C-alpha atoms as a PDB file:
ATOM      1  CA  MET A   1       0.000   0.000   0.000  1.00  0.00           C
ATOM      2  CA  ILE A   2       2.854   2.354   0.873  1.00  0.00           C
ATOM      3  CA  SER A   3       6.321   2.084  -0.612  1.00  0.00           C
ATOM      4  CA  LEU A   4       9.334   4.236   0.260  1.00  0.00           C
ATOM      5  CA  SER A   5      12.603   3.646  -1.525  1.00  0.00           C
ATOM      6  CA  ALA A   6      15.921   5.195  -0.415  1.00  0.00           C
ATOM      7  CA  VAL A   7      14.182   8.333   0.886  1.00  0.00           C
ATOM      8  CA  THR A   8      16.339  11.059   2.402  1.00  0.00           C
ATOM      9  CA  LYS A   9      15.441  14.458   3.858  1.00  0.00           C
ATOM     10  CA  LYS A  10      17.804  16.963   5.461  1.00  0.00           C
ATOM     11  CA  TRP A  11      16.474  20.216   6.856  1.00  0.00           C
ATOM     12  CA  ARG A  12      18.363  23.397   6.058  1.00  0.00           C
ATOM     13  CA  GLY A  13      20.992  24.105   8.692  1.00  0.00           C
ATOM     14  CA  ALA A  14      20.807  20.626  10.206  1.00  0.00           C
ATOM     15  CA  VAL A  15      23.972  18.612  10.736  1.00  0.00           C
ATOM     16  CA  GLN A  16      22.355  15.208  10.171  1.00  0.00           C
ATOM     17  CA  PRO A  17      19.474  14.208   7.874  1.00  0.00           C
ATOM     18  CA  ALA A  18      16.067  13.946   9.542  1.00  0.00           C
ATOM     19  CA  VAL A  19      15.460  10.872   7.372  1.00  0.00           C
ATOM     20  CA  ASN A  20      18.428   8.979   6.012  1.00  0.00           C
ATOM     21  CA  ASN A  21      18.071   6.488   3.125  1.00  0.00           C
ATOM     22  CA  VAL A  22      14.813   4.962   4.370  1.00  0.00           C
ATOM     23  CA  THR A  23      13.225   2.065   2.501  1.00  0.00           C
ATOM     24  CA  LEU A  24       9.907   0.850   3.828  1.00  0.00           C
ATOM     25  CA  ASP A  25       6.864  -1.085   2.603  1.00  0.00           C
ATOM     26  CA  VAL A  26       3.477  -1.151   4.336  1.00  0.00           C
ATOM     27  CA  PRO A  27       1.295  -4.044   3.067  1.00  0.00           C
ATOM     28  CA  ARG A  28      -2.392  -3.540   2.370  1.00  0.00           C
ATOM     29  CA  GLY A  29      -4.804  -4.456   5.155  1.00  0.00           C
ATOM     30  CA  ARG A  30      -2.344  -4.196   8.026  1.00  0.00           C
ATOM     31  CA  ILE A  31      -2.047  -1.987  11.107  1.00  0.00           C
ATOM     32  CA  PHE A  32       1.587  -0.958  10.815  1.00  0.00           C
ATOM     33  CA  GLY A  33       3.392   0.869  13.617  1.00  0.00           C
ATOM     34  CA  LEU A  34       6.154   3.418  13.139  1.00  0.00           C
ATOM     35  CA  LEU A  35       8.071   3.595  16.381  1.00  0.00           C
ATOM     36  CA  GLY A  36      10.932   5.720  17.648  1.00  0.00           C
ATOM     37  CA  HIS A  37      12.121   8.362  20.092  1.00  0.00           C
ATOM     38  CA  ASN A  38      11.044  11.965  19.623  1.00  0.00           C
ATOM     39  CA  GLY A  39      13.150  13.342  16.777  1.00  0.00           C
ATOM     40  CA  ALA A  40      13.777   9.922  15.241  1.00  0.00           C
ATOM     41  CA  GLY A  41      12.214  11.008  11.937  1.00  0.00           C
ATOM     42  CA  LYS A  42       8.716   9.506  12.191  1.00  0.00           C
ATOM     43  CA  SER A  43       6.763  12.690  11.477  1.00  0.00           C
ATOM     44  CA  THR A  44       9.080  13.604   8.609  1.00  0.00           C
ATOM     45  CA  VAL A  45       8.403  10.225   6.992  1.00  0.00           C
ATOM     46  CA  ILE A  46       4.657  10.759   7.371  1.00  0.00           C
ATOM     47  CA  GLY A  47       4.888  14.314   6.042  1.00  0.00           C
ATOM     48  CA  MET A  48       6.675  13.078   2.930  1.00  0.00           C
ATOM     49  CA  THR A  49       4.194  10.227   2.494  1.00  0.00           C
ATOM     50  CA  LEU A  50       1.362  12.767   2.516  1.00  0.00           C
ATOM     51  CA  GLY A  51       3.148  14.969  -0.018  1.00  0.00           C
ATOM     52  CA  GLN A  52       3.587  17.831   2.444  1.00  0.00           C
ATOM     53  CA  VAL A  53       7.370  17.510   2.744  1.00  0.00           C
ATOM     54  CA  PHE A  54       9.563  17.117  -0.331  1.00  0.00           C
ATOM     55  CA  PRO A  55      12.379  14.566  -0.049  1.00  0.00           C
ATOM     56  CA  ASP A  56      15.912  15.356  -1.159  1.00  0.00           C
ATOM     57  CA  ALA A  57      16.242  11.880  -2.666  1.00  0.00           C
ATOM     58  CA  GLY A  58      14.283   8.688  -3.161  1.00  0.00           C
ATOM     59  CA  THR A  59      10.725   7.864  -4.203  1.00  0.00           C
ATOM     60  CA  LEU A  60       7.431   7.469  -2.363  1.00  0.00           C
ATOM     61  CA  ALA A  61       4.340   5.729  -3.696  1.00  0.00           C
ATOM     62  CA  ILE A  62       0.854   4.932  -2.430  1.00  0.00           C
ATOM     63  CA  ASP A  63      -1.031   2.091  -4.093  1.00  0.00           C
ATOM     64  CA  GLY A  64       1.466   2.217  -6.954  1.00  0.00           C
ATOM     65  CA  HIS A  65       1.131   5.972  -7.597  1.00  0.00           C
ATOM     66  CA  ASP A  66       4.088   8.293  -7.083  1.00  0.00           C
ATOM     67  CA  VAL A  67       3.176  10.762  -4.340  1.00  0.00           C
ATOM     68  CA  PHE A  68       4.719  13.759  -6.117  1.00  0.00           C
ATOM     69  CA  ARG A  69       4.301  12.924  -9.804  1.00  0.00           C
ATOM     70  CA  GLU A  70       0.775  11.534  -9.428  1.00  0.00           C
ATOM     71  CA  ARG A  71      -0.325  13.395  -6.331  1.00  0.00           C
ATOM     72  CA  ARG A  72      -4.082  13.310  -6.953  1.00  0.00           C
ATOM     73  CA  ALA A  73      -4.162   9.572  -7.664  1.00  0.00           C
ATOM     74  CA  ALA A  74      -1.790   8.750  -4.812  1.00  0.00           C
ATOM     75  CA  LEU A  75      -3.706  10.702  -2.168  1.00  0.00           C
ATOM     76  CA  SER A  76      -7.274  10.187  -3.453  1.00  0.00           C
ATOM     77  CA  LYS A  77      -8.012   7.387  -0.980  1.00  0.00           C
ATOM     78  CA  VAL A  78      -5.903   8.551   1.942  1.00  0.00           C
ATOM     79  CA  GLY A  79      -7.201   9.964   5.225  1.00  0.00           C
ATOM     80  CA  ALA A  80      -4.860  11.387   7.831  1.00  0.00           C
ATOM     81  CA  ILE A  81      -4.427  13.045  11.182  1.00  0.00           C
ATOM     82  CA  PHE A  82      -1.120  14.867  10.871  1.00  0.00           C
ATOM     83  CA  GLU A  83       0.177  17.426  13.344  1.00  0.00           C
ATOM     84  CA  THR A  84      -2.407  19.380  15.428  1.00  0.00           C
ATOM     85  CA  PRO A  85      -5.960  19.154  14.009  1.00  0.00           C
ATOM     86  CA  SER A  86      -7.311  22.607  13.126  1.00  0.00           C
ATOM     87  CA  PHE A  87     -10.994  23.553  13.238  1.00  0.00           C
ATOM     88  CA  TYR A  88     -13.178  26.667  13.376  1.00  0.00           C
ATOM     89  CA  SER A  89     -13.709  26.713  17.134  1.00  0.00           C
ATOM     90  CA  TYR A  90     -16.731  29.047  16.988  1.00  0.00           C
ATOM     91  CA  LEU A  91     -18.615  26.587  14.738  1.00  0.00           C
ATOM     92  CA  SER A  92     -20.138  23.243  15.622  1.00  0.00           C
ATOM     93  CA  GLY A  93     -18.414  19.968  14.933  1.00  0.00           C
ATOM     94  CA  GLU A  94     -21.013  19.186  12.277  1.00  0.00           C
ATOM     95  CA  ARG A  95     -20.537  22.524  10.531  1.00  0.00           C
ATOM     96  CA  ASN A  96     -16.784  21.973  10.473  1.00  0.00           C
ATOM     97  CA  LEU A  97     -17.286  18.610   8.781  1.00  0.00           C
ATOM     98  CA  ARG A  98     -19.729  20.128   6.272  1.00  0.00           C
ATOM     99  CA  ILE A  99     -17.224  22.832   5.362  1.00  0.00           C
ATOM    100  CA  PHE A 100     -14.654  20.127   4.757  1.00  0.00           C
ATOM    101  CA  CYS A 101     -17.127  18.295   2.527  1.00  0.00           C
ATOM    102  CA  GLU A 102     -17.884  21.478   0.595  1.00  0.00           C
ATOM    103  CA  LEU A 103     -14.176  21.873  -0.111  1.00  0.00           C
ATOM    104  CA  THR A 104     -13.592  18.259  -1.112  1.00  0.00           C
ATOM    105  CA  GLY A 105     -17.021  17.296  -2.445  1.00  0.00           C
ATOM    106  CA  ARG A 106     -16.467  13.695  -1.446  1.00  0.00           C
ATOM    107  CA  ALA A 107     -18.991  12.828   1.285  1.00  0.00           C
ATOM    108  CA  ASP A 108     -22.753  12.326   1.353  1.00  0.00           C
ATOM    109  CA  PRO A 109     -25.080  12.819   4.367  1.00  0.00           C
ATOM    110  CA  ARG A 110     -25.326   9.101   5.049  1.00  0.00           C
ATOM    111  CA  ARG A 111     -21.563   8.756   5.127  1.00  0.00           C
ATOM    112  CA  MET A 112     -21.349  11.675   7.544  1.00  0.00           C
ATOM    113  CA  ARG A 113     -23.897  10.089   9.891  1.00  0.00           C
ATOM    114  CA  ASP A 114     -22.027   6.780   9.832  1.00  0.00           C
ATOM    115  CA  VAL A 115     -18.696   8.433  10.575  1.00  0.00           C
ATOM    116  CA  ILE A 116     -20.073  10.620  13.383  1.00  0.00           C
ATOM    117  CA  LYS A 117     -21.618   7.533  14.971  1.00  0.00           C
ATOM    118  CA  LEU A 118     -18.392   5.565  14.618  1.00  0.00           C
ATOM    119  CA  VAL A 119     -16.283   8.145  16.451  1.00  0.00           C
ATOM    120  CA  GLY A 120     -18.881   8.558  19.194  1.00  0.00           C
ATOM    121  CA  LEU A 121     -19.819  12.209  18.655  1.00  0.00           C
ATOM    122  CA  GLU A 122     -23.535  11.771  17.959  1.00  0.00           C
ATOM    123  CA  GLU A 123     -24.644  13.642  21.078  1.00  0.00           C
ATOM    124  CA  ARG A 124     -22.043  16.434  20.835  1.00  0.00           C
ATOM    125  CA  ILE A 125     -21.681  17.021  17.105  1.00  0.00           C
ATOM    126  CA  GLY A 126     -23.971  20.073  17.323  1.00  0.00           C
ATOM    127  CA  ASP A 127     -21.839  21.758  20.006  1.00  0.00           C
ATOM    128  CA  ARG A 128     -19.239  24.387  19.211  1.00  0.00           C
ATOM    129  CA  VAL A 129     -15.727  22.970  18.904  1.00  0.00           C
ATOM    130  CA  SER A 130     -14.530  25.522  21.467  1.00  0.00           C
ATOM    131  CA  VAL A 131     -16.181  23.455  24.215  1.00  0.00           C
ATOM    132  CA  TYR A 132     -14.727  20.148  22.990  1.00  0.00           C
ATOM    133  CA  SER A 133     -12.157  18.326  25.072  1.00  0.00           C
ATOM    134  CA  HIS A 134      -8.862  17.322  23.483  1.00  0.00           C
ATOM    135  CA  GLY A 135     -10.161  13.786  23.062  1.00  0.00           C
ATOM    136  CA  MET A 136     -13.301  15.023  21.303  1.00  0.00           C
ATOM    137  CA  ARG A 137     -11.201  17.117  18.935  1.00  0.00           C
ATOM    138  CA  GLN A 138      -9.155  14.022  18.105  1.00  0.00           C
ATOM    139  CA  ARG A 139     -12.341  12.113  17.352  1.00  0.00           C
ATOM    140  CA  LEU A 140     -13.591  14.965  15.190  1.00  0.00           C
ATOM    141  CA  ALA A 141     -10.276  14.933  13.334  1.00  0.00           C
ATOM    142  CA  LEU A 142     -10.662  11.197  12.809  1.00  0.00           C
ATOM    143  CA  ALA A 143     -14.187  11.726  11.477  1.00  0.00           C
ATOM    144  CA  GLN A 144     -12.852  14.294   9.007  1.00  0.00           C
ATOM    145  CA  ALA A 145     -10.143  11.881   7.877  1.00  0.00           C
ATOM    146  CA  LEU A 146     -12.737   9.162   7.280  1.00  0.00           C
ATOM    147  CA  LEU A 147     -15.243  11.220   5.282  1.00  0.00           C
ATOM    148  CA  PRO A 148     -13.588  10.742   1.847  1.00  0.00           C
ATOM    149  CA  LYS A 149     -13.897   6.918   2.188  1.00  0.00           C
ATOM    150  CA  PRO A 150     -10.162   6.274   2.436  1.00  0.00           C
ATOM    151  CA  GLU A 151      -8.534   2.898   2.009  1.00  0.00           C
ATOM    152  CA  LEU A 152      -5.421   4.075   3.853  1.00  0.00           C
ATOM    153  CA  LEU A 153      -5.439   5.924   7.169  1.00  0.00           C
ATOM    154  CA  ILE A 154      -2.270   7.662   8.384  1.00  0.00           C
ATOM    155  CA  LEU A 155      -2.133   8.765  12.008  1.00  0.00           C
ATOM    156  CA  ASP A 156       0.721  10.764  13.512  1.00  0.00           C
ATOM    157  CA  GLU A 157       0.758  10.271  17.300  1.00  0.00           C
ATOM    158  CA  PRO A 158      -3.044   9.752  17.519  1.00  0.00           C
ATOM    159  CA  ASN A 159      -2.919   9.330  21.317  1.00  0.00           C
ATOM    160  CA  GLU A 160      -0.844  12.427  22.001  1.00  0.00           C
ATOM    161  CA  GLY A 161      -2.308  14.315  24.961  1.00  0.00           C
ATOM    162  CA  LEU A 162      -5.170  11.883  25.568  1.00  0.00           C
ATOM    163  CA  ASP A 163      -6.130  10.642  29.027  1.00  0.00           C
ATOM    164  CA  PRO A 164      -6.265   6.865  29.683  1.00  0.00           C
ATOM    165  CA  GLU A 165      -9.946   6.670  28.709  1.00  0.00           C
ATOM    166  CA  GLY A 166      -9.284   8.582  25.499  1.00  0.00           C
ATOM    167  CA  ILE A 167      -6.345   6.314  24.642  1.00  0.00           C
ATOM    168  CA  HIS A 168      -8.566   3.255  25.176  1.00  0.00           C
ATOM    169  CA  GLU A 169     -11.280   4.698  22.916  1.00  0.00           C
ATOM    170  CA  MET A 170      -8.825   5.609  20.176  1.00  0.00           C
ATOM    171  CA  ARG A 171      -7.249   2.150  20.307  1.00  0.00           C
ATOM    172  CA  ASN A 172     -10.628   0.467  19.875  1.00  0.00           C
ATOM    173  CA  LEU A 173     -11.494   2.782  16.988  1.00  0.00           C
ATOM    174  CA  ILE A 174      -8.264   1.937  15.178  1.00  0.00           C
ATOM    175  CA  LEU A 175      -8.870  -1.785  15.630  1.00  0.00           C
ATOM    176  CA  LYS A 176     -12.449  -1.468  14.393  1.00  0.00           C
ATOM    177  CA  LEU A 177     -11.415   0.536  11.347  1.00  0.00           C
ATOM    178  CA  ASN A 178      -8.949  -2.168  10.406  1.00  0.00           C
ATOM    179  CA  ARG A 179     -11.116  -5.201  11.115  1.00  0.00           C
ATOM    180  CA  GLU A 180     -14.575  -3.990  10.091  1.00  0.00           C
ATOM    181  CA  TRP A 181     -13.882  -1.137   7.680  1.00  0.00           C
ATOM    182  CA  GLU A 182     -10.861  -2.951   6.191  1.00  0.00           C
ATOM    183  CA  LEU A 183      -8.583   0.076   6.278  1.00  0.00           C
ATOM    184  CA  THR A 184      -4.819  -0.132   6.035  1.00  0.00           C
ATOM    185  CA  ILE A 185      -3.460   1.940   8.922  1.00  0.00           C
ATOM    186  CA  LEU A 186      -0.012   3.452   9.394  1.00  0.00           C
ATOM    187  CA  PHE A 187       0.442   5.133  12.748  1.00  0.00           C
ATOM    188  CA  SER A 188       3.422   6.618  14.503  1.00  0.00           C
ATOM    189  CA  SER A 189       3.838   6.591  18.243  1.00  0.00           C
ATOM    190  CA  HIS A 190       6.329   6.580  21.060  1.00  0.00           C
ATOM    191  CA  LEU A 191       3.857   4.803  23.368  1.00  0.00           C
ATOM    192  CA  LEU A 192       5.156   1.249  23.379  1.00  0.00           C
ATOM    193  CA  SER A 193       2.058  -0.184  25.046  1.00  0.00           C
ATOM    194  CA  GLU A 194      -0.194   1.117  22.274  1.00  0.00           C
ATOM    195  CA  VAL A 195       1.993  -0.201  19.467  1.00  0.00           C
ATOM    196  CA  GLU A 196       2.152  -3.545  21.260  1.00  0.00           C
ATOM    197  CA  GLN A 197      -1.650  -3.807  21.427  1.00  0.00           C
ATOM    198  CA  LEU A 198      -2.351  -2.528  17.930  1.00  0.00           C
ATOM    199  CA  SER A 199       0.238  -3.961  15.575  1.00  0.00           C
ATOM    200  CA  THR A 200       2.267  -7.092  15.014  1.00  0.00           C
ATOM    201  CA  HIS A 201       4.398  -5.457  12.311  1.00  0.00           C
ATOM    202  CA  LEU A 202       6.366  -2.274  12.759  1.00  0.00           C
ATOM    203  CA  ALA A 203       9.384  -0.262  11.767  1.00  0.00           C
ATOM    204  CA  VAL A 204      11.679   1.228  14.393  1.00  0.00           C
ATOM    205  CA  MET A 205      13.472   4.482  13.563  1.00  0.00           C
ATOM    206  CA  ARG A 206      16.577   5.815  15.214  1.00  0.00           C
ATOM    207  CA  ALA A 207      18.364   9.015  14.177  1.00  0.00           C
ATOM    208  CA  GLY A 208      16.610   9.056  10.817  1.00  0.00           C
ATOM    209  CA  ARG A 209      17.262   5.439   9.902  1.00  0.00           C
ATOM    210  CA  ILE A 210      15.209   2.260   9.975  1.00  0.00           C
ATOM    211  CA  VAL A 211      16.907  -0.041  12.479  1.00  0.00           C
ATOM    212  CA  PHE A 212      14.196  -2.717  12.423  1.00  0.00           C
ATOM    213  CA  ASN A 213      11.373  -3.567  10.041  1.00  0.00           C
ATOM    214  CA  GLY A 214       9.216  -6.647  10.462  1.00  0.00           C
ATOM    215  CA  GLU A 215       7.172  -8.693  12.909  1.00  0.00           C
ATOM    216  CA  TRP A 216       8.294  -7.802  16.401  1.00  0.00           C
ATOM    217  CA  ARG A 217       6.749 -10.899  18.024  1.00  0.00           C
ATOM    218  CA  GLN A 218       9.468 -13.031  16.417  1.00  0.00           C
ATOM    219  CA  PHE A 219      11.621 -11.961  19.389  1.00  0.00           C
ATOM    220  CA  GLU A 220       9.169 -13.183  22.044  1.00  0.00           C
ATOM    221  CA  THR A 221      10.448 -16.719  22.489  1.00  0.00           C
ATOM    222  CA  ARG A 222      13.577 -16.837  20.372  1.00  0.00           C
ATOM    223  CA  LYS A 223      15.839 -16.697  23.412  1.00  0.00           C
ATOM    224  CA  ASN A 224      14.027 -19.537  25.251  1.00  0.00           C
ATOM    225  CA  LEU A 225      13.722 -17.430  28.378  1.00  0.00           C
ATOM    226  CA  VAL A 226      12.288 -19.280  31.394  1.00  0.00           C
ATOM    227  CA  ARG A 227      11.270 -18.367  34.933  1.00  0.00           C
ATOM    228  CA  LEU A 228      11.790 -21.216  37.432  1.00  0.00           C
ATOM    229  CA  ARG A 229      10.672 -21.492  41.058  1.00  0.00           C
ATOM    230  CA  VAL A 230      11.459 -24.690  43.048  1.00  0.00           C
ATOM    231  CA  ASP A 231      11.815 -25.647  46.704  1.00  0.00           C
ATOM    232  CA  ARG A 232      15.641 -25.823  46.708  1.00  0.00           C
ATOM    233  CA  GLN A 233      16.266 -22.971  44.314  1.00  0.00           C
ATOM    234  CA  THR A 234      20.039 -22.604  44.462  1.00  0.00           C
ATOM    235  CA  GLU A 235      20.653 -26.351  44.411  1.00  0.00           C
ATOM    236  CA  ALA A 236      18.315 -26.773  41.420  1.00  0.00           C
ATOM    237  CA  GLN A 237      19.993 -24.007  39.444  1.00  0.00           C
ATOM    238  CA  ILE A 238      23.459 -25.426  40.019  1.00  0.00           C
ATOM    239  CA  ALA A 239      22.261 -28.910  39.031  1.00  0.00           C
ATOM    240  CA  LEU A 240      20.502 -27.709  35.880  1.00  0.00           C
ATOM    241  CA  THR A 241      23.561 -25.732  34.813  1.00  0.00           C
ATOM    242  CA  LYS A 242      25.956 -28.646  35.356  1.00  0.00           C
ATOM    243  CA  ALA A 243      23.617 -31.039  33.539  1.00  0.00           C
ATOM    244  CA  GLY A 244      23.474 -28.730  30.504  1.00  0.00           C
ATOM    245  CA  TRP A 245      19.788 -27.861  30.677  1.00  0.00           C
ATOM    246  CA  MET A 246      19.845 -24.126  31.430  1.00  0.00           C
ATOM    247  CA  THR A 247      21.982 -21.108  32.144  1.00  0.00           C
ATOM    248  CA  PHE A 248      20.780 -18.667  34.779  1.00  0.00           C
ATOM    249  CA  ALA A 249      20.898 -14.892  34.726  1.00  0.00           C
ATOM    250  CA  ASP A 250      20.257 -14.407  38.452  1.00  0.00           C
ATOM    251  CA  SER A 251      19.535 -16.192  41.722  1.00  0.00           C
ATOM    252  CA  GLU A 252      15.779 -15.704  41.308  1.00  0.00           C
ATOM    253  CA  GLY A 253      15.386 -18.464  38.753  1.00  0.00           C
ATOM    254  CA  ASN A 254      15.345 -16.410  35.571  1.00  0.00           C
ATOM    255  CA  GLY A 255      17.349 -18.173  32.903  1.00  0.00           C
ATOM    256  CA  GLN A 256      17.640 -19.473  29.385  1.00  0.00           C
ATOM    257  CA  LEU A 257      17.106 -22.964  28.059  1.00  0.00           C
ATOM    258  CA  LEU A 258      20.002 -24.303  26.060  1.00  0.00           C
ATOM    259  CA  ASP A 259      19.438 -25.276  22.426  1.00  0.00           C
ATOM    260  CA  GLY A 260      17.208 -28.303  21.991  1.00  0.00           C
ATOM    261  CA  LYS A 261      15.829 -28.178  25.521  1.00  0.00           C
ATOM    262  CA  SER A 262      12.191 -27.542  26.417  1.00  0.00           C
ATOM    263  CA  VAL A 263      10.209 -26.558  29.503  1.00  0.00           C
ATOM    264  CA  ALA A 264       8.624 -30.035  29.526  1.00  0.00           C
ATOM    265  CA  ASP A 265      12.060 -31.695  29.504  1.00  0.00           C
ATOM    266  CA  VAL A 266      13.323 -29.565  32.380  1.00  0.00           C
ATOM    267  CA  THR A 267      10.140 -30.197  34.368  1.00  0.00           C
ATOM    268  CA  GLU A 268      10.472 -33.963  33.948  1.00  0.00           C
ATOM    269  CA  TRP A 269      14.142 -33.883  34.932  1.00  0.00           C
ATOM    270  CA  LEU A 270      13.480 -31.815  38.068  1.00  0.00           C
ATOM    271  CA  VAL A 271      10.672 -34.113  39.214  1.00  0.00           C
ATOM    272  CA  HIS A 272      12.891 -37.133  38.611  1.00  0.00           C
ATOM    273  CA  LYS A 273      15.610 -35.549  40.748  1.00  0.00           C
ATOM    274  CA  GLY A 274      13.161 -34.961  43.595  1.00  0.00           C
ATOM    275  CA  PHE A 275      12.667 -31.206  43.346  1.00  0.00           C
ATOM    276  CA  ARG A 276       9.248 -29.741  44.116  1.00  0.00           C
ATOM    277  CA  ILE A 277       8.271 -27.292  41.382  1.00  0.00           C
ATOM    278  CA  HIS A 278       6.293 -24.214  42.383  1.00  0.00           C
ATOM    279  CA  ALA A 279       6.350 -22.615  38.924  1.00  0.00           C
ATOM    280  CA  ILE A 280       8.112 -22.961  35.585  1.00  0.00           C
ATOM    281  CA  ALA A 281       7.071 -21.080  32.467  1.00  0.00           C
ATOM    282  CA  PRO A 282       8.437 -19.405  29.327  1.00  0.00           C
ATOM    283  CA  VAL A 283       9.012 -15.666  29.617  1.00  0.00           C
ATOM    284  CA  GLU A 284       7.613 -13.688  26.694  1.00  0.00           C
ATOM    285  CA  GLN A 285       9.448 -10.537  25.778  1.00  0.00           C
ATOM    286  CA  THR A 286       7.368  -7.373  25.733  1.00  0.00           C
ATOM    287  CA  LEU A 287       7.659  -4.783  23.000  1.00  0.00           C
ATOM    288  CA  GLU A 288       9.565  -2.645  25.492  1.00  0.00           C
ATOM    289  CA  ASP A 289      12.211  -5.379  25.789  1.00  0.00           C
ATOM    290  CA  VAL A 290      12.412  -5.703  22.004  1.00  0.00           C
ATOM    291  CA  TYR A 291      12.535  -1.945  21.448  1.00  0.00           C
ATOM    292  CA  LEU A 292      15.324  -1.380  23.950  1.00  0.00           C
ATOM    293  CA  GLU A 293      17.295  -4.264  22.466  1.00  0.00           C
ATOM    294  CA  ILE A 294      16.917  -2.880  18.946  1.00  0.00           C
ATOM    295  CA  THR A 295      17.665   0.768  19.736  1.00  0.00           C
ATOM    296  CA  ARG A 296      20.702  -0.138  21.803  1.00  0.00           C
ATOM    297  CA  GLY A 297      22.117  -1.863  18.748  1.00  0.00           C
ATOM    298  CA  GLU A 298      22.185  -5.370  20.200  1.00  0.00           C
END
């Protein structure tokens, strides 16, 4: 759905490029996360994808159309929340959406009703935007992005400034748009918990470069991490290490199975040796673990 090839952007006066030789593909139908520290280059990538920032080198395409050479075709089915949403605060939410429709000419009344209902603004759409909370403004911005019937939705830090309830609502909306409305969604964030709950595939940026691109859950069990609790903890750890079953990282029973060994094998061996097992289970890595490992260059 989105294809970036060797894209570079350096701002005037900057020492290093904001985006440095980035190649990235976002498949159709996926919720794809773009993750990185503040200043990593995420917003610059999104700005270029939306045709608002011109790259110094490389090409960008949406659904096979070059973003800059075929701008209308490339962006015709794209909705986005990019930077701070701007509305006429003295007008109602509905009037703001109607003005948008008058400018674009791409939404009918039924579509507007469906979108307003989806984002949960049915009871407040007639109120002036000046009395909207930040979360309501975000939902209004999402409604505006959805009016043209996009196939691709691009969201730059959609949870920025939201309270926990607002973050929960936005997360559910994104999931619904992907599953029920079949939208491809690219979103940037520095909130690891949200990326973890929304996407299985992501790209991690660091200092303008892509340092990881793929399915982050591949890291969850690749190290065979195990947490073990037995009655004679120290004795069990020494015995398991000498027998070639596990290596331990600490005295609390957190360790790593050696190649070819399984939790079931270790359990059977411990029982045979007379140890009483309180708990033994694989340890899944969180996205935070994966992210820190990637960004530290390990």
